[in-house]
């Protein structure tokens, strides 16, 4: 089949079958390792419904359509961060205790934080990393370029972030109080959902800006 000429220009090449299989296997291994004696088994399952569905979809479709290797790598990195939260629950990842053990300094005290901020890192990372496969998908399949590509990419990052917050809200309505607190990880912040979406948006904008600056320096369009 002859490829559309627009698709041939300035599009990252697809990962090889071996690269795709290796990166997806790495992601699956990360999920499995995070499931070894998690702090809250029920929350671990709740947190992994979407990641497992994503990995199964990527594996099932990789024979017919593949992302570039760096888009797969971004997915793996995002899952690695998420799975740390799934193992400990988002509100109890002991990042501050780890830092104190290494440096005798508290990040929370230095930043003036009064809550566990790991969930903020996850949502920021979603924007920073997942923007890559989303942008690539739109560039290849929708043939978008320039401003329209950037606008639709950012819109999809924000829309999927909002959809996740809605799923959390719906799920939280049917969970017990303790389970809902572990899953939602709002930590009594009434603006938690809005802050999470704002961080995802910020992450996406930062990555797109870095890509744009890099493309200009290399003299590459699209």
N, C-alpha and C. Protein backbone atom coordinates (compact mmCIF):
# COMPACT_ATOMS: atom_id res chain seq x y z
N UNK A 1 0.84 -1.19 0.00
CA UNK A 1 0.00 0.00 0.00
C UNK A 1 0.88 1.25 0.00
N UNK A 2 0.55 2.22 -0.85
CA UNK A 2 1.29 3.46 -0.94
C UNK A 2 0.85 4.40 0.18
N UNK A 3 1.82 4.92 0.89
CA UNK A 3 1.49 5.81 1.99
C UNK A 3 1.15 7.19 1.47
N UNK A 4 0.27 7.86 2.20
CA UNK A 4 -0.08 9.24 1.87
C UNK A 4 1.18 10.08 1.98
N UNK A 5 1.47 10.97 1.00
CA UNK A 5 2.71 11.75 1.03
C UNK A 5 2.86 12.61 2.27
N UNK A 6 1.72 13.07 2.85
CA UNK A 6 1.81 13.88 4.07
C UNK A 6 2.33 13.04 5.23
N UNK A 7 1.95 11.77 5.24
CA UNK A 7 2.38 10.90 6.32
C UNK A 7 3.88 10.64 6.29
N UNK A 8 4.48 10.71 5.09
CA UNK A 8 5.88 10.38 4.96
C UNK A 8 6.79 11.49 5.48
N UNK A 9 6.27 12.71 5.56
CA UNK A 9 7.11 13.84 5.92
C UNK A 9 7.07 14.11 7.42
N UNK A 10 8.25 14.19 8.03
CA UNK A 10 8.39 14.62 9.42
C UNK A 10 7.62 13.74 10.41
N UNK A 11 7.51 12.46 10.13
CA UNK A 11 6.83 11.53 11.03
C UNK A 11 7.85 10.53 11.54
N UNK A 12 7.90 10.37 12.87
CA UNK A 12 8.84 9.42 13.45
C UNK A 12 8.52 8.02 12.95
N UNK A 13 9.54 7.24 12.57
CA UNK A 13 9.29 5.89 12.08
C UNK A 13 8.71 5.00 13.18
N UNK A 14 7.90 4.05 12.76
CA UNK A 14 7.32 3.11 13.72
C UNK A 14 8.40 2.26 14.36
N UNK A 15 8.17 1.88 15.60
CA UNK A 15 9.08 0.96 16.26
C UNK A 15 9.09 -0.38 15.54
N UNK A 16 10.19 -1.06 15.60
CA UNK A 16 10.23 -2.40 15.03
C UNK A 16 9.39 -3.33 15.91
N UNK A 17 8.96 -4.47 15.38
CA UNK A 17 8.21 -5.41 16.23
C UNK A 17 8.96 -5.79 17.49
N UNK A 18 10.28 -5.95 17.39
CA UNK A 18 11.07 -6.32 18.57
C UNK A 18 11.08 -5.19 19.59
N UNK A 19 11.24 -3.95 19.12
CA UNK A 19 11.24 -2.80 20.04
C UNK A 19 9.89 -2.67 20.73
N UNK A 20 8.81 -2.78 19.96
CA UNK A 20 7.47 -2.66 20.54
C UNK A 20 7.23 -3.75 21.57
N UNK A 21 7.60 -4.99 21.20
CA UNK A 21 7.38 -6.12 22.11
C UNK A 21 8.20 -5.96 23.38
N UNK A 22 9.45 -5.51 23.23
CA UNK A 22 10.31 -5.35 24.40
C UNK A 22 9.81 -4.28 25.35
N UNK A 23 9.37 -3.15 24.81
CA UNK A 23 8.89 -2.06 25.65
C UNK A 23 7.55 -2.40 26.31
N UNK A 24 6.67 -3.07 25.57
CA UNK A 24 5.39 -3.47 26.16
C UNK A 24 5.60 -4.55 27.22
N UNK A 25 6.56 -5.45 26.99
CA UNK A 25 6.87 -6.47 28.00
C UNK A 25 7.43 -5.81 29.25
N UNK A 26 8.25 -4.77 29.07
CA UNK A 26 8.78 -4.04 30.22
C UNK A 26 7.66 -3.38 31.02
N UNK A 27 6.69 -2.80 30.31
CA UNK A 27 5.56 -2.18 30.98
C UNK A 27 4.75 -3.22 31.76
N UNK A 28 4.51 -4.38 31.13
CA UNK A 28 3.76 -5.44 31.81
C UNK A 28 4.50 -5.92 33.05
N UNK A 29 5.83 -6.01 32.97
CA UNK A 29 6.63 -6.44 34.12
C UNK A 29 6.53 -5.43 35.26
N UNK A 30 6.54 -4.16 34.92
CA UNK A 30 6.41 -3.11 35.94
C UNK A 30 5.07 -3.24 36.67
N UNK A 31 4.01 -3.50 35.92
CA UNK A 31 2.69 -3.69 36.53
C UNK A 31 2.70 -4.89 37.47
N UNK A 32 3.29 -6.00 37.01
CA UNK A 32 3.34 -7.21 37.83
C UNK A 32 4.15 -6.99 39.11
N UNK A 33 5.28 -6.32 38.99
CA UNK A 33 6.12 -6.06 40.17
C UNK A 33 5.39 -5.18 41.17
N UNK A 34 4.65 -4.19 40.68
CA UNK A 34 3.92 -3.31 41.58
C UNK A 34 2.81 -4.05 42.33
N UNK A 35 2.39 -5.18 41.76
CA UNK A 35 1.33 -5.97 42.38
C UNK A 35 1.81 -6.94 43.43
N UNK A 36 3.12 -6.95 43.71
CA UNK A 36 3.68 -7.83 44.75
C UNK A 36 3.49 -7.16 46.11
N UNK A 37 2.60 -7.70 46.90
CA UNK A 37 2.31 -7.20 48.25
C UNK A 37 2.06 -5.70 48.28
N UNK A 38 1.09 -5.21 47.51
CA UNK A 38 0.78 -3.78 47.56
C UNK A 38 0.17 -3.41 48.90
N UNK A 39 0.22 -2.13 49.22
CA UNK A 39 -0.32 -1.67 50.50
C UNK A 39 -1.82 -1.93 50.60
N UNK A 40 -2.53 -1.77 49.48
CA UNK A 40 -3.97 -1.97 49.44
C UNK A 40 -4.32 -2.71 48.15
N UNK A 41 -4.59 -4.00 48.26
CA UNK A 41 -4.82 -4.83 47.07
C UNK A 41 -6.02 -4.35 46.26
N UNK A 42 -7.08 -3.98 46.92
CA UNK A 42 -8.27 -3.52 46.19
C UNK A 42 -7.97 -2.24 45.41
N UNK A 43 -7.24 -1.32 46.05
CA UNK A 43 -6.88 -0.08 45.35
C UNK A 43 -5.95 -0.38 44.18
N UNK A 44 -5.05 -1.35 44.36
CA UNK A 44 -4.13 -1.71 43.26
C UNK A 44 -4.93 -2.16 42.03
N UNK A 45 -5.95 -2.96 42.24
CA UNK A 45 -6.78 -3.40 41.11
C UNK A 45 -7.50 -2.22 40.47
N UNK A 46 -8.04 -1.34 41.30
CA UNK A 46 -8.73 -0.17 40.76
C UNK A 46 -7.79 0.70 39.94
N UNK A 47 -6.58 0.88 40.43
CA UNK A 47 -5.62 1.73 39.74
C UNK A 47 -5.10 1.10 38.45
N UNK A 48 -5.27 -0.21 38.31
CA UNK A 48 -4.70 -0.89 37.15
C UNK A 48 -5.71 -1.30 36.09
N UNK A 49 -6.95 -0.96 36.25
CA UNK A 49 -7.94 -1.28 35.22
C UNK A 49 -7.57 -0.63 33.89
N UNK A 50 -7.32 0.67 33.92
CA UNK A 50 -6.98 1.39 32.68
C UNK A 50 -5.60 1.02 32.14
N UNK A 51 -4.54 0.93 32.98
CA UNK A 51 -3.24 0.52 32.44
C UNK A 51 -3.26 -0.86 31.79
N UNK A 52 -3.95 -1.81 32.40
CA UNK A 52 -4.01 -3.14 31.81
C UNK A 52 -4.79 -3.12 30.50
N UNK A 53 -5.88 -2.37 30.45
CA UNK A 53 -6.64 -2.24 29.21
C UNK A 53 -5.79 -1.60 28.12
N UNK A 54 -5.00 -0.59 28.48
CA UNK A 54 -4.12 0.07 27.52
C UNK A 54 -3.08 -0.90 26.98
N UNK A 55 -2.42 -1.64 27.87
CA UNK A 55 -1.38 -2.56 27.42
C UNK A 55 -1.94 -3.66 26.53
N UNK A 56 -3.11 -4.17 26.89
CA UNK A 56 -3.74 -5.21 26.06
C UNK A 56 -4.09 -4.66 24.68
N UNK A 57 -4.58 -3.43 24.65
CA UNK A 57 -4.92 -2.81 23.36
C UNK A 57 -3.69 -2.59 22.51
N UNK A 58 -2.61 -2.08 23.12
CA UNK A 58 -1.38 -1.85 22.37
C UNK A 58 -0.79 -3.15 21.86
N UNK A 59 -0.84 -4.20 22.69
CA UNK A 59 -0.31 -5.49 22.26
C UNK A 59 -1.15 -6.08 21.12
N UNK A 60 -2.47 -5.95 21.23
CA UNK A 60 -3.35 -6.54 20.23
C UNK A 60 -3.25 -5.83 18.88
N UNK A 61 -2.95 -4.53 18.90
CA UNK A 61 -2.92 -3.76 17.66
C UNK A 61 -1.52 -3.57 17.10
N UNK A 62 -0.48 -4.03 17.82
CA UNK A 62 0.89 -3.76 17.40
C UNK A 62 1.25 -4.45 16.08
N UNK A 63 0.53 -5.48 15.72
CA UNK A 63 0.80 -6.17 14.46
C UNK A 63 0.38 -5.31 13.27
N UNK A 64 -0.61 -4.45 13.49
CA UNK A 64 -1.16 -3.66 12.39
C UNK A 64 -0.73 -2.19 12.44
N UNK A 65 -0.47 -1.69 13.65
CA UNK A 65 -0.11 -0.27 13.80
C UNK A 65 0.75 -0.12 15.03
N UNK A 66 1.90 0.56 14.87
CA UNK A 66 2.82 0.73 15.99
C UNK A 66 3.23 2.19 16.13
N UNK A 67 3.38 2.62 17.37
CA UNK A 67 3.95 3.93 17.65
C UNK A 67 5.46 3.89 17.39
N UNK A 68 6.10 5.04 17.46
CA UNK A 68 7.55 5.09 17.43
C UNK A 68 8.09 4.55 18.75
N UNK A 69 9.37 4.20 18.78
CA UNK A 69 9.91 3.61 20.00
C UNK A 69 9.91 4.62 21.16
N UNK A 70 10.13 5.92 20.84
CA UNK A 70 10.16 6.88 21.95
C UNK A 70 8.76 7.16 22.50
N UNK A 71 7.70 6.96 21.69
CA UNK A 71 6.34 7.08 22.21
C UNK A 71 6.03 5.91 23.15
N UNK A 72 6.48 4.70 22.75
CA UNK A 72 6.32 3.55 23.64
C UNK A 72 7.10 3.77 24.94
N UNK A 73 8.31 4.33 24.82
CA UNK A 73 9.12 4.58 26.01
C UNK A 73 8.43 5.55 26.95
N UNK A 74 7.77 6.58 26.38
CA UNK A 74 7.03 7.53 27.20
C UNK A 74 5.90 6.84 27.96
N UNK A 75 5.23 5.90 27.29
CA UNK A 75 4.16 5.14 27.95
C UNK A 75 4.72 4.30 29.09
N UNK A 76 5.87 3.65 28.86
CA UNK A 76 6.50 2.83 29.89
C UNK A 76 6.90 3.69 31.09
N UNK A 77 7.48 4.85 30.83
CA UNK A 77 7.89 5.74 31.92
C UNK A 77 6.69 6.22 32.72
N UNK A 78 5.60 6.55 32.03
CA UNK A 78 4.40 6.99 32.71
C UNK A 78 3.84 5.87 33.59
N UNK A 79 3.81 4.66 33.06
CA UNK A 79 3.30 3.53 33.83
C UNK A 79 4.18 3.25 35.05
N UNK A 80 5.50 3.42 34.90
CA UNK A 80 6.40 3.18 36.03
C UNK A 80 6.08 4.13 37.19
N UNK A 81 5.84 5.40 36.86
CA UNK A 81 5.48 6.38 37.90
C UNK A 81 4.13 6.03 38.50
N UNK A 82 3.17 5.71 37.64
CA UNK A 82 1.83 5.37 38.13
C UNK A 82 1.85 4.13 39.02
N UNK A 83 2.63 3.12 38.63
CA UNK A 83 2.63 1.87 39.38
C UNK A 83 3.25 2.02 40.77
N UNK A 84 4.14 2.98 40.92
CA UNK A 84 4.64 3.27 42.26
C UNK A 84 3.49 3.73 43.15
N UNK A 85 2.63 4.58 42.59
CA UNK A 85 1.46 5.03 43.34
C UNK A 85 0.46 3.91 43.56
N UNK A 86 0.32 3.02 42.58
CA UNK A 86 -0.60 1.90 42.73
C UNK A 86 -0.12 0.95 43.83
N UNK A 87 1.18 0.80 43.97
CA UNK A 87 1.73 -0.12 44.98
C UNK A 87 1.51 0.42 46.39
N UNK A 88 1.79 1.70 46.59
CA UNK A 88 1.70 2.28 47.94
C UNK A 88 0.38 2.98 48.21
N UNK A 89 -0.42 3.21 47.20
CA UNK A 89 -1.55 4.14 47.10
C UNK A 89 -0.95 5.53 46.95
N UNK A 90 -1.60 6.35 46.16
CA UNK A 90 -1.04 7.66 45.79
C UNK A 90 -0.71 8.53 47.01
N UNK A 91 -1.56 8.49 48.01
CA UNK A 91 -1.38 9.40 49.15
C UNK A 91 -0.35 8.92 50.15
N UNK A 92 0.22 7.71 49.92
CA UNK A 92 1.15 7.16 50.91
C UNK A 92 2.51 6.77 50.33
N UNK A 93 2.80 7.21 49.11
CA UNK A 93 4.14 6.94 48.56
C UNK A 93 5.17 7.66 49.44
N UNK A 94 6.11 6.94 50.03
CA UNK A 94 7.01 7.57 51.04
C UNK A 94 8.21 8.28 50.43
N UNK A 95 7.96 9.14 49.45
CA UNK A 95 9.07 9.84 48.80
C UNK A 95 9.84 10.73 49.77
N UNK A 96 9.12 11.35 50.71
CA UNK A 96 9.79 12.25 51.65
C UNK A 96 10.67 11.46 52.62
N UNK A 97 10.20 10.30 53.05
CA UNK A 97 11.01 9.46 53.94
C UNK A 97 12.26 8.96 53.21
N UNK A 98 12.11 8.61 51.94
CA UNK A 98 13.27 8.17 51.15
C UNK A 98 14.29 9.30 51.03
N UNK A 99 13.83 10.51 50.77
CA UNK A 99 14.74 11.64 50.63
C UNK A 99 15.43 11.96 51.95
N UNK A 100 14.68 11.90 53.05
CA UNK A 100 15.29 12.15 54.36
C UNK A 100 16.36 11.12 54.67
N UNK A 101 16.10 9.85 54.28
CA UNK A 101 17.09 8.80 54.53
C UNK A 101 18.36 9.03 53.73
N UNK A 102 18.22 9.62 52.54
CA UNK A 102 19.39 9.84 51.68
C UNK A 102 20.13 11.13 51.99
N UNK A 103 19.37 12.18 52.36
CA UNK A 103 19.98 13.51 52.48
C UNK A 103 19.81 14.17 53.84
N UNK A 104 19.00 13.58 54.73
CA UNK A 104 18.66 14.22 56.01
C UNK A 104 17.86 15.50 55.82
N UNK A 105 17.24 15.66 54.66
CA UNK A 105 16.40 16.83 54.39
C UNK A 105 15.02 16.38 53.96
N UNK A 106 14.03 17.18 54.30
CA UNK A 106 12.64 16.89 53.94
C UNK A 106 12.21 17.79 52.79
N UNK A 107 11.79 17.18 51.70
CA UNK A 107 11.29 17.96 50.57
C UNK A 107 10.00 18.67 50.94
N UNK A 108 9.12 17.99 51.67
CA UNK A 108 7.86 18.60 52.08
C UNK A 108 8.09 19.84 52.94
N UNK A 109 9.04 19.75 53.89
CA UNK A 109 9.33 20.88 54.76
C UNK A 109 9.95 22.02 53.96
N UNK A 110 10.84 21.69 53.04
CA UNK A 110 11.51 22.72 52.25
C UNK A 110 10.53 23.46 51.35
N UNK A 111 9.56 22.71 50.78
CA UNK A 111 8.57 23.31 49.89
C UNK A 111 7.37 23.86 50.63
N UNK A 112 7.26 23.58 51.93
CA UNK A 112 6.10 24.04 52.69
C UNK A 112 4.85 23.25 52.39
N UNK A 113 5.01 21.98 51.98
CA UNK A 113 3.86 21.14 51.66
C UNK A 113 3.31 20.49 52.92
N UNK A 114 1.99 20.40 53.02
CA UNK A 114 1.34 19.76 54.15
C UNK A 114 0.56 18.52 53.74
N UNK A 115 0.81 18.03 52.54
CA UNK A 115 0.16 16.81 52.04
C UNK A 115 1.17 16.04 51.21
N UNK A 116 0.86 14.77 50.97
CA UNK A 116 1.69 13.96 50.07
C UNK A 116 1.42 14.42 48.63
N UNK A 117 2.47 14.81 47.93
CA UNK A 117 2.31 15.42 46.61
C UNK A 117 2.56 14.44 45.46
N UNK A 118 2.65 13.16 45.76
CA UNK A 118 2.98 12.22 44.69
C UNK A 118 1.93 12.20 43.59
N UNK A 119 0.66 12.35 43.96
CA UNK A 119 -0.39 12.34 42.94
C UNK A 119 -0.23 13.51 41.97
N UNK A 120 0.29 14.64 42.47
CA UNK A 120 0.54 15.78 41.58
C UNK A 120 1.62 15.43 40.55
N UNK A 121 2.65 14.71 41.00
CA UNK A 121 3.70 14.28 40.08
C UNK A 121 3.15 13.39 38.98
N UNK A 122 2.24 12.50 39.35
CA UNK A 122 1.67 11.57 38.36
C UNK A 122 0.90 12.34 37.29
N UNK A 123 0.09 13.30 37.68
CA UNK A 123 -0.70 14.05 36.71
C UNK A 123 0.18 14.96 35.85
N UNK A 124 1.21 15.55 36.45
CA UNK A 124 2.16 16.33 35.66
C UNK A 124 2.87 15.42 34.65
N UNK A 125 3.27 14.23 35.11
CA UNK A 125 3.96 13.28 34.23
C UNK A 125 3.06 12.81 33.10
N UNK A 126 1.78 12.69 33.38
CA UNK A 126 0.85 12.31 32.31
C UNK A 126 0.91 13.32 31.18
N UNK A 127 0.88 14.60 31.52
CA UNK A 127 0.97 15.62 30.49
C UNK A 127 2.31 15.62 29.79
N UNK A 128 3.39 15.51 30.56
CA UNK A 128 4.73 15.54 29.99
C UNK A 128 4.99 14.36 29.05
N UNK A 129 4.49 13.19 29.40
CA UNK A 129 4.84 11.97 28.68
C UNK A 129 3.78 11.49 27.70
N UNK A 130 2.52 11.45 28.14
CA UNK A 130 1.49 10.89 27.27
C UNK A 130 1.16 11.80 26.09
N UNK A 131 1.60 13.05 26.17
CA UNK A 131 1.41 13.94 25.04
C UNK A 131 2.13 13.41 23.79
N UNK A 132 3.19 12.63 23.97
CA UNK A 132 3.96 12.13 22.84
C UNK A 132 3.18 11.11 22.00
N UNK A 133 2.64 10.03 22.60
CA UNK A 133 1.83 9.12 21.78
C UNK A 133 0.54 9.76 21.27
N UNK A 134 -0.07 10.65 22.04
CA UNK A 134 -1.29 11.32 21.57
C UNK A 134 -0.98 12.18 20.35
N UNK A 135 0.09 12.95 20.42
CA UNK A 135 0.48 13.80 19.29
C UNK A 135 0.81 12.94 18.06
N UNK A 136 1.53 11.86 18.29
CA UNK A 136 1.90 10.98 17.18
C UNK A 136 0.68 10.36 16.52
N UNK A 137 -0.27 9.95 17.33
CA UNK A 137 -1.49 9.36 16.79
C UNK A 137 -2.25 10.36 15.92
N UNK A 138 -2.39 11.58 16.39
CA UNK A 138 -3.08 12.61 15.62
C UNK A 138 -2.32 12.98 14.35
N UNK A 139 -1.00 13.00 14.46
CA UNK A 139 -0.18 13.37 13.31
C UNK A 139 -0.27 12.33 12.20
N UNK A 140 -0.29 11.07 12.60
CA UNK A 140 -0.33 9.99 11.60
C UNK A 140 -1.73 9.72 11.08
N UNK A 141 -2.69 9.65 11.98
CA UNK A 141 -4.03 9.21 11.59
C UNK A 141 -4.93 10.35 11.15
N UNK A 142 -4.83 11.50 11.79
CA UNK A 142 -5.68 12.63 11.43
C UNK A 142 -4.98 13.59 10.47
N UNK A 143 -3.68 13.34 10.21
CA UNK A 143 -2.89 14.16 9.28
C UNK A 143 -2.84 15.63 9.69
N UNK A 144 -2.86 15.87 11.01
CA UNK A 144 -2.80 17.24 11.50
C UNK A 144 -1.37 17.75 11.54
N UNK A 145 -1.21 19.06 11.38
CA UNK A 145 0.09 19.68 11.41
C UNK A 145 -0.01 21.05 12.09
N UNK A 146 1.14 21.57 12.50
CA UNK A 146 1.21 22.93 12.99
C UNK A 146 0.33 23.23 14.20
N UNK A 147 -0.34 24.37 14.12
CA UNK A 147 -1.16 24.84 15.24
C UNK A 147 -2.30 23.87 15.54
N UNK A 148 -2.93 23.34 14.49
CA UNK A 148 -4.05 22.42 14.71
C UNK A 148 -3.59 21.15 15.42
N UNK A 149 -2.41 20.66 15.08
CA UNK A 149 -1.87 19.47 15.74
C UNK A 149 -1.64 19.77 17.22
N UNK A 150 -1.02 20.91 17.52
CA UNK A 150 -0.75 21.27 18.91
C UNK A 150 -2.04 21.47 19.69
N UNK A 151 -3.00 22.17 19.08
CA UNK A 151 -4.26 22.45 19.77
C UNK A 151 -5.03 21.17 20.07
N UNK A 152 -5.13 20.28 19.09
CA UNK A 152 -5.87 19.03 19.29
C UNK A 152 -5.15 18.10 20.26
N UNK A 153 -3.82 18.12 20.23
CA UNK A 153 -3.06 17.30 21.17
C UNK A 153 -3.30 17.75 22.61
N UNK A 154 -3.17 19.04 22.84
CA UNK A 154 -3.39 19.58 24.19
C UNK A 154 -4.84 19.34 24.62
N UNK A 155 -5.77 19.49 23.70
CA UNK A 155 -7.18 19.28 24.03
C UNK A 155 -7.44 17.84 24.44
N UNK A 156 -6.82 16.88 23.75
CA UNK A 156 -7.00 15.47 24.10
C UNK A 156 -6.35 15.13 25.44
N UNK A 157 -5.19 15.71 25.70
CA UNK A 157 -4.56 15.49 27.01
C UNK A 157 -5.48 15.99 28.12
N UNK A 158 -6.02 17.19 27.94
CA UNK A 158 -6.90 17.76 28.96
C UNK A 158 -8.20 16.98 29.05
N UNK A 159 -8.75 16.56 27.90
CA UNK A 159 -10.01 15.80 27.91
C UNK A 159 -9.85 14.46 28.60
N UNK A 160 -8.76 13.74 28.31
CA UNK A 160 -8.56 12.44 28.95
C UNK A 160 -8.26 12.60 30.43
N UNK A 161 -7.59 13.69 30.80
CA UNK A 161 -7.35 13.96 32.21
C UNK A 161 -8.67 14.22 32.93
N UNK A 162 -9.54 15.00 32.29
CA UNK A 162 -10.86 15.27 32.88
C UNK A 162 -11.70 14.00 32.96
N UNK A 163 -11.61 13.15 31.93
CA UNK A 163 -12.35 11.89 31.94
C UNK A 163 -11.92 11.02 33.09
N UNK A 164 -10.61 10.98 33.37
CA UNK A 164 -10.13 10.19 34.50
C UNK A 164 -10.67 10.73 35.82
N UNK A 165 -10.72 12.04 35.94
CA UNK A 165 -11.26 12.63 37.17
C UNK A 165 -12.74 12.28 37.32
N UNK A 166 -13.47 12.24 36.22
CA UNK A 166 -14.88 11.85 36.27
C UNK A 166 -15.03 10.39 36.68
N UNK A 167 -14.15 9.53 36.15
CA UNK A 167 -14.19 8.12 36.53
C UNK A 167 -13.88 7.95 38.01
N UNK A 168 -12.93 8.73 38.50
CA UNK A 168 -12.63 8.69 39.94
C UNK A 168 -13.84 9.11 40.76
N UNK A 169 -14.50 10.17 40.33
CA UNK A 169 -15.68 10.66 41.04
C UNK A 169 -16.78 9.60 41.06
N UNK A 170 -17.04 9.00 39.90
CA UNK A 170 -18.09 7.97 39.82
C UNK A 170 -17.71 6.76 40.66
N UNK A 171 -16.45 6.32 40.53
CA UNK A 171 -16.01 5.17 41.32
C UNK A 171 -16.06 5.44 42.81
N UNK A 172 -15.68 6.67 43.19
CA UNK A 172 -15.67 7.02 44.61
C UNK A 172 -17.05 7.00 45.24
N UNK A 173 -18.08 7.21 44.42
CA UNK A 173 -19.45 7.20 44.93
C UNK A 173 -19.89 5.81 45.38
N UNK A 174 -19.25 4.77 44.84
CA UNK A 174 -19.69 3.40 45.11
C UNK A 174 -18.69 2.61 45.95
N UNK A 175 -17.65 3.29 46.42
CA UNK A 175 -16.67 2.63 47.28
C UNK A 175 -16.91 3.04 48.73
N UNK A 176 -16.43 2.21 49.64
CA UNK A 176 -16.50 2.58 51.04
C UNK A 176 -15.60 3.77 51.31
N UNK A 177 -15.78 4.41 52.46
CA UNK A 177 -15.04 5.64 52.75
C UNK A 177 -13.53 5.44 52.66
N UNK A 178 -13.01 4.38 53.29
CA UNK A 178 -11.56 4.14 53.28
C UNK A 178 -11.07 3.86 51.88
N UNK A 179 -11.81 3.03 51.14
CA UNK A 179 -11.40 2.69 49.78
C UNK A 179 -11.48 3.89 48.86
N UNK A 180 -12.50 4.71 49.03
CA UNK A 180 -12.64 5.90 48.20
C UNK A 180 -11.49 6.87 48.46
N UNK A 181 -11.08 7.02 49.72
CA UNK A 181 -9.97 7.92 50.04
C UNK A 181 -8.68 7.44 49.41
N UNK A 182 -8.44 6.12 49.41
CA UNK A 182 -7.23 5.57 48.82
C UNK A 182 -7.23 5.77 47.31
N UNK A 183 -8.40 5.58 46.69
CA UNK A 183 -8.50 5.66 45.23
C UNK A 183 -8.46 7.11 44.74
N UNK A 184 -9.19 7.99 45.42
CA UNK A 184 -9.28 9.38 44.98
C UNK A 184 -8.04 10.19 45.35
N UNK A 185 -7.47 9.93 46.51
CA UNK A 185 -6.25 10.60 46.98
C UNK A 185 -6.39 12.12 47.00
N UNK A 186 -7.58 12.61 47.31
CA UNK A 186 -7.78 14.06 47.34
C UNK A 186 -7.14 14.70 48.56
N UNK A 187 -7.01 13.94 49.65
CA UNK A 187 -6.41 14.42 50.89
C UNK A 187 -7.05 15.72 51.37
N UNK A 188 -8.38 15.74 51.33
CA UNK A 188 -9.18 16.87 51.82
C UNK A 188 -8.96 18.17 51.04
N UNK A 189 -8.47 18.06 49.81
CA UNK A 189 -8.30 19.25 48.98
C UNK A 189 -9.51 19.38 48.07
N UNK A 190 -10.36 20.40 48.26
CA UNK A 190 -11.57 20.53 47.44
C UNK A 190 -11.27 20.84 45.98
N UNK A 191 -10.06 21.31 45.68
CA UNK A 191 -9.68 21.65 44.31
C UNK A 191 -8.74 20.62 43.71
N UNK A 192 -8.73 19.43 44.26
CA UNK A 192 -7.78 18.40 43.82
C UNK A 192 -7.93 18.08 42.33
N UNK A 193 -9.15 17.88 41.86
CA UNK A 193 -9.36 17.51 40.46
C UNK A 193 -8.90 18.62 39.53
N UNK A 194 -9.22 19.86 39.88
CA UNK A 194 -8.83 20.98 39.03
C UNK A 194 -7.30 21.12 38.98
N UNK A 195 -6.64 20.95 40.11
CA UNK A 195 -5.18 21.05 40.15
C UNK A 195 -4.54 19.93 39.33
N UNK A 196 -5.10 18.73 39.43
CA UNK A 196 -4.57 17.60 38.66
C UNK A 196 -4.66 17.87 37.16
N UNK A 197 -5.80 18.37 36.72
CA UNK A 197 -5.97 18.66 35.29
C UNK A 197 -5.06 19.80 34.85
N UNK A 198 -4.89 20.79 35.71
CA UNK A 198 -4.01 21.91 35.38
C UNK A 198 -2.57 21.44 35.21
N UNK A 199 -2.13 20.51 36.06
CA UNK A 199 -0.78 19.99 35.94
C UNK A 199 -0.60 19.16 34.68
N UNK A 200 -1.61 18.38 34.32
CA UNK A 200 -1.54 17.63 33.06
C UNK A 200 -1.43 18.57 31.87
N UNK A 201 -2.21 19.64 31.91
CA UNK A 201 -2.16 20.65 30.85
C UNK A 201 -0.78 21.31 30.80
N UNK A 202 -0.25 21.66 31.96
CA UNK A 202 1.07 22.28 32.02
C UNK A 202 2.14 21.35 31.45
N UNK A 203 2.08 20.08 31.83
CA UNK A 203 3.06 19.11 31.33
C UNK A 203 3.01 18.99 29.82
N UNK A 204 1.82 18.94 29.26
CA UNK A 204 1.67 18.82 27.81
C UNK A 204 2.24 20.05 27.11
N UNK A 205 1.95 21.23 27.64
CA UNK A 205 2.46 22.47 27.03
C UNK A 205 3.98 22.52 27.09
N UNK A 206 4.57 22.08 28.19
CA UNK A 206 6.02 22.10 28.33
C UNK A 206 6.66 21.18 27.29
N UNK A 207 6.14 19.96 27.16
CA UNK A 207 6.71 19.02 26.19
C UNK A 207 6.57 19.53 24.76
N UNK A 208 5.41 20.07 24.42
CA UNK A 208 5.20 20.59 23.07
C UNK A 208 6.12 21.78 22.80
N UNK A 209 6.33 22.62 23.82
CA UNK A 209 7.23 23.76 23.65
C UNK A 209 8.66 23.28 23.41
N UNK A 210 9.09 22.30 24.18
CA UNK A 210 10.43 21.75 24.01
C UNK A 210 10.59 21.14 22.61
N UNK A 211 9.56 20.41 22.16
CA UNK A 211 9.60 19.84 20.83
C UNK A 211 9.67 20.92 19.76
N UNK A 212 8.91 21.98 19.96
CA UNK A 212 8.87 23.06 18.98
C UNK A 212 10.23 23.76 18.89
N UNK A 213 10.82 24.04 20.02
CA UNK A 213 12.14 24.69 20.04
C UNK A 213 13.17 23.79 19.39
N UNK A 214 13.12 22.48 19.72
CA UNK A 214 14.04 21.54 19.12
C UNK A 214 13.88 21.43 17.61
N UNK A 215 12.63 21.43 17.16
CA UNK A 215 12.37 21.33 15.72
C UNK A 215 12.88 22.56 14.98
N UNK A 216 12.73 23.74 15.59
CA UNK A 216 13.21 24.97 14.95
C UNK A 216 14.73 24.96 14.83
N UNK A 217 15.40 24.48 15.87
CA UNK A 217 16.86 24.43 15.83
C UNK A 217 17.35 23.47 14.76
N UNK A 218 16.58 22.39 14.55
CA UNK A 218 16.96 21.41 13.53
C UNK A 218 16.42 21.75 12.16
N UNK A 219 15.58 22.79 12.11
CA UNK A 219 14.99 23.18 10.84
C UNK A 219 13.96 22.21 10.33
N UNK A 220 13.23 21.55 11.28
CA UNK A 220 12.21 20.57 10.91
C UNK A 220 10.83 21.17 11.14
N UNK A 221 9.91 20.97 10.22
CA UNK A 221 8.55 21.48 10.38
C UNK A 221 7.63 20.45 10.96
N UNK A 222 6.30 20.82 11.06
CA UNK A 222 5.27 19.86 11.48
C UNK A 222 5.11 19.71 12.95
